[in-house]
Amino acid sequence: APPFLHYTVTLHNLQYYYRCAILFREVTIMANRPNLKNRTAYTSTLATPLWQALNALQQSSRIPKSKLLDEAVELLLQHHQKD
């Protein structure tokens, strides 16, 4: 039998391949974007509770996350310009 048929599948292997697949999907999506004229693509992280709240708000309001983040950053900038 070919060597790949003797490969032992473990939870660690599955988690690794799942993470690779997610990363590949995200990179592919970023690479396949048309040229953005009025937007800038970026990568960042959020605290998990904030991310969960943003997801919940997006699902309940049907407003895209990018628009919600635009509004949040605008409010943050306004707040800091008052100082």
N, C-alpha and C. Protein backbone atom coordinates (compact mmCIF):
# COMPACT_ATOMS: atom_id res chain seq x y z
N ALA A 1 0.84 -1.19 0.00
CA ALA A 1 0.00 0.00 0.00
C ALA A 1 0.88 1.24 0.00
N PRO A 2 0.42 2.33 -0.62
CA PRO A 2 1.19 3.57 -0.61
C PRO A 2 1.40 4.06 0.83
N PRO A 3 2.53 4.74 1.08
CA PRO A 3 2.83 5.17 2.45
C PRO A 3 1.77 6.07 3.07
N PHE A 4 1.09 6.89 2.27
CA PHE A 4 0.12 7.80 2.86
C PHE A 4 -1.08 7.09 3.47
N LEU A 5 -1.32 5.84 3.08
CA LEU A 5 -2.43 5.09 3.66
C LEU A 5 -2.13 4.62 5.08
N HIS A 6 -0.86 4.61 5.46
CA HIS A 6 -0.48 4.18 6.79
C HIS A 6 -0.39 5.34 7.77
N TYR A 7 -0.79 6.53 7.34
CA TYR A 7 -0.70 7.72 8.18
C TYR A 7 -1.71 7.63 9.31
N THR A 8 -1.27 7.82 10.52
CA THR A 8 -2.14 7.76 11.68
C THR A 8 -2.73 9.13 11.93
N VAL A 9 -4.04 9.20 11.96
CA VAL A 9 -4.73 10.46 12.20
C VAL A 9 -4.89 10.64 13.70
N THR A 10 -4.37 11.76 14.20
CA THR A 10 -4.51 12.08 15.61
C THR A 10 -5.24 13.41 15.74
N LEU A 11 -5.70 13.70 16.93
CA LEU A 11 -6.38 14.97 17.17
C LEU A 11 -5.44 16.12 16.87
N HIS A 12 -4.18 15.98 17.27
CA HIS A 12 -3.19 17.03 17.01
C HIS A 12 -3.06 17.28 15.50
N ASN A 13 -2.98 16.23 14.71
CA ASN A 13 -2.86 16.36 13.26
C ASN A 13 -4.09 17.06 12.68
N LEU A 14 -5.25 16.67 13.14
CA LEU A 14 -6.47 17.28 12.62
C LEU A 14 -6.54 18.77 12.98
N GLN A 15 -6.16 19.11 14.20
CA GLN A 15 -6.16 20.51 14.60
C GLN A 15 -5.18 21.31 13.75
N TYR A 16 -4.01 20.73 13.51
CA TYR A 16 -2.99 21.40 12.70
C TYR A 16 -3.52 21.64 11.29
N TYR A 17 -4.09 20.62 10.66
CA TYR A 17 -4.58 20.77 9.30
C TYR A 17 -5.77 21.72 9.23
N TYR A 18 -6.60 21.72 10.26
CA TYR A 18 -7.72 22.65 10.30
C TYR A 18 -7.21 24.09 10.35
N ARG A 19 -6.21 24.36 11.22
CA ARG A 19 -5.64 25.70 11.31
C ARG A 19 -5.02 26.11 9.97
N CYS A 20 -4.33 25.18 9.31
CA CYS A 20 -3.73 25.47 8.01
C CYS A 20 -4.80 25.80 6.98
N ALA A 21 -5.89 25.05 6.99
CA ALA A 21 -6.97 25.29 6.03
C ALA A 21 -7.61 26.65 6.26
N ILE A 22 -7.82 27.02 7.52
CA ILE A 22 -8.40 28.33 7.83
C ILE A 22 -7.46 29.44 7.36
N LEU A 23 -6.17 29.29 7.68
CA LEU A 23 -5.19 30.29 7.27
C LEU A 23 -5.14 30.41 5.76
N PHE A 24 -5.12 29.27 5.06
CA PHE A 24 -5.09 29.29 3.59
C PHE A 24 -6.32 29.99 3.04
N ARG A 25 -7.48 29.73 3.64
CA ARG A 25 -8.73 30.36 3.19
C ARG A 25 -8.64 31.88 3.37
N GLU A 26 -8.14 32.33 4.53
CA GLU A 26 -8.05 33.77 4.78
C GLU A 26 -7.06 34.43 3.83
N VAL A 27 -5.93 33.80 3.59
CA VAL A 27 -4.94 34.37 2.67
C VAL A 27 -5.50 34.41 1.26
N THR A 28 -6.21 33.36 0.87
CA THR A 28 -6.80 33.31 -0.47
C THR A 28 -7.84 34.41 -0.64
N ILE A 29 -8.66 34.62 0.38
CA ILE A 29 -9.67 35.67 0.29
C ILE A 29 -9.00 37.03 0.15
N MET A 30 -7.96 37.28 0.95
CA MET A 30 -7.25 38.56 0.87
C MET A 30 -6.61 38.73 -0.50
N ALA A 31 -6.02 37.67 -1.05
CA ALA A 31 -5.33 37.76 -2.34
C ALA A 31 -6.30 37.93 -3.49
N ASN A 32 -7.52 37.42 -3.35
CA ASN A 32 -8.49 37.46 -4.44
C ASN A 32 -9.37 38.71 -4.42
N ARG A 33 -9.12 39.62 -3.50
CA ARG A 33 -9.93 40.83 -3.46
C ARG A 33 -9.63 41.70 -4.67
N PRO A 34 -10.67 42.32 -5.21
CA PRO A 34 -10.40 43.30 -6.25
C PRO A 34 -9.72 44.51 -5.62
N ASN A 35 -9.15 45.35 -6.42
CA ASN A 35 -8.51 46.54 -5.88
C ASN A 35 -9.53 47.36 -5.10
N LEU A 36 -9.21 47.62 -3.86
CA LEU A 36 -10.12 48.41 -3.02
C LEU A 36 -9.84 49.89 -3.27
N LYS A 37 -10.87 50.65 -3.58
CA LYS A 37 -10.68 52.07 -3.91
C LYS A 37 -10.90 52.95 -2.70
N ASN A 38 -11.88 52.63 -1.86
CA ASN A 38 -12.21 53.48 -0.72
C ASN A 38 -11.97 52.78 0.61
N ARG A 39 -11.27 51.66 0.59
CA ARG A 39 -11.07 50.88 1.80
C ARG A 39 -9.63 50.41 1.83
N THR A 40 -9.14 50.08 3.00
CA THR A 40 -7.81 49.54 3.17
C THR A 40 -7.91 48.24 3.96
N ALA A 41 -7.37 47.18 3.41
CA ALA A 41 -7.38 45.89 4.10
C ALA A 41 -6.29 45.90 5.17
N TYR A 42 -6.58 45.32 6.31
CA TYR A 42 -5.61 45.22 7.39
C TYR A 42 -5.91 43.97 8.21
N THR A 43 -4.96 43.59 9.04
CA THR A 43 -5.14 42.45 9.92
C THR A 43 -4.90 42.92 11.35
N SER A 44 -5.75 42.49 12.24
CA SER A 44 -5.61 42.86 13.64
C SER A 44 -6.25 41.79 14.51
N THR A 45 -6.20 42.00 15.81
CA THR A 45 -6.86 41.08 16.74
C THR A 45 -7.73 41.90 17.69
N LEU A 46 -8.71 41.23 18.28
CA LEU A 46 -9.58 41.83 19.29
C LEU A 46 -9.64 40.88 20.48
N ALA A 47 -9.93 41.43 21.64
CA ALA A 47 -10.19 40.58 22.80
C ALA A 47 -11.39 39.69 22.45
N THR A 48 -11.34 38.45 22.88
CA THR A 48 -12.38 37.48 22.53
C THR A 48 -13.79 37.97 22.89
N PRO A 49 -14.02 38.55 24.08
CA PRO A 49 -15.38 39.03 24.37
C PRO A 49 -15.84 40.13 23.40
N LEU A 50 -14.90 40.99 22.98
CA LEU A 50 -15.27 42.04 22.01
C LEU A 50 -15.63 41.42 20.67
N TRP A 51 -14.85 40.43 20.24
CA TRP A 51 -15.12 39.75 18.97
C TRP A 51 -16.48 39.06 19.00
N GLN A 52 -16.78 38.41 20.12
CA GLN A 52 -18.07 37.72 20.24
C GLN A 52 -19.22 38.72 20.22
N ALA A 53 -19.04 39.85 20.89
CA ALA A 53 -20.09 40.88 20.89
C ALA A 53 -20.27 41.47 19.50
N LEU A 54 -19.16 41.69 18.79
CA LEU A 54 -19.24 42.21 17.42
C LEU A 54 -19.97 41.21 16.51
N ASN A 55 -19.66 39.94 16.64
CA ASN A 55 -20.35 38.91 15.85
C ASN A 55 -21.85 38.91 16.14
N ALA A 56 -22.20 39.00 17.43
CA ALA A 56 -23.62 39.00 17.81
C ALA A 56 -24.33 40.22 17.24
N LEU A 57 -23.68 41.38 17.33
CA LEU A 57 -24.28 42.60 16.79
C LEU A 57 -24.44 42.50 15.28
N GLN A 58 -23.44 41.98 14.60
CA GLN A 58 -23.51 41.84 13.14
C GLN A 58 -24.66 40.92 12.75
N GLN A 59 -24.80 39.82 13.46
CA GLN A 59 -25.86 38.86 13.11
C GLN A 59 -27.25 39.43 13.40
N SER A 60 -27.39 40.16 14.50
CA SER A 60 -28.72 40.69 14.83
C SER A 60 -29.09 41.90 13.98
N SER A 61 -28.09 42.70 13.59
CA SER A 61 -28.38 43.92 12.83
C SER A 61 -28.26 43.73 11.32
N ARG A 62 -27.57 42.67 10.91
CA ARG A 62 -27.30 42.42 9.48
C ARG A 62 -26.44 43.52 8.85
N ILE A 63 -25.75 44.31 9.67
CA ILE A 63 -24.83 45.32 9.18
C ILE A 63 -23.45 44.66 9.06
N PRO A 64 -22.76 44.82 7.94
CA PRO A 64 -21.45 44.19 7.80
C PRO A 64 -20.48 44.65 8.89
N LYS A 65 -19.62 43.73 9.30
CA LYS A 65 -18.64 44.06 10.34
C LYS A 65 -17.77 45.24 9.94
N SER A 66 -17.44 45.36 8.68
CA SER A 66 -16.59 46.47 8.25
C SER A 66 -17.27 47.81 8.52
N LYS A 67 -18.59 47.88 8.31
CA LYS A 67 -19.33 49.13 8.59
C LYS A 67 -19.41 49.38 10.10
N LEU A 68 -19.61 48.33 10.89
CA LEU A 68 -19.65 48.48 12.34
C LEU A 68 -18.29 48.96 12.86
N LEU A 69 -17.22 48.42 12.30
CA LEU A 69 -15.88 48.84 12.73
C LEU A 69 -15.60 50.28 12.29
N ASP A 70 -16.07 50.67 11.11
CA ASP A 70 -15.93 52.07 10.68
C ASP A 70 -16.57 53.00 11.71
N GLU A 71 -17.80 52.67 12.12
CA GLU A 71 -18.52 53.50 13.08
C GLU A 71 -17.78 53.54 14.42
N ALA A 72 -17.27 52.40 14.87
CA ALA A 72 -16.55 52.35 16.14
C ALA A 72 -15.29 53.20 16.11
N VAL A 73 -14.54 53.13 15.02
CA VAL A 73 -13.31 53.92 14.92
C VAL A 73 -13.64 55.41 14.82
N GLU A 74 -14.69 55.77 14.09
CA GLU A 74 -15.10 57.18 14.01
C GLU A 74 -15.45 57.72 15.40
N LEU A 75 -16.20 56.94 16.18
CA LEU A 75 -16.55 57.38 17.53
C LEU A 75 -15.31 57.48 18.42
N LEU A 76 -14.39 56.57 18.28
CA LEU A 76 -13.14 56.60 19.06
C LEU A 76 -12.32 57.84 18.71
N LEU A 77 -12.23 58.14 17.44
CA LEU A 77 -11.48 59.33 17.02
C LEU A 77 -12.13 60.62 17.52
N GLN A 78 -13.45 60.69 17.44
CA GLN A 78 -14.17 61.85 17.96
C GLN A 78 -13.92 62.02 19.46
N HIS A 79 -13.95 60.92 20.18
CA HIS A 79 -13.73 60.95 21.63
C HIS A 79 -12.35 61.49 21.96
N HIS A 80 -11.35 61.04 21.23
CA HIS A 80 -9.98 61.46 21.52
C HIS A 80 -9.67 62.86 20.99
N GLN A 81 -10.42 63.34 20.02
CA GLN A 81 -10.21 64.71 19.53
C GLN A 81 -10.77 65.74 20.50
N LYS A 82 -11.70 65.33 21.35
CA LYS A 82 -12.29 66.25 22.34
C LYS A 82 -11.27 66.61 23.42
N ASP A 83 -10.30 65.71 23.68
CA ASP A 83 -9.31 65.94 24.75
C ASP A 83 -8.35 67.04 24.44
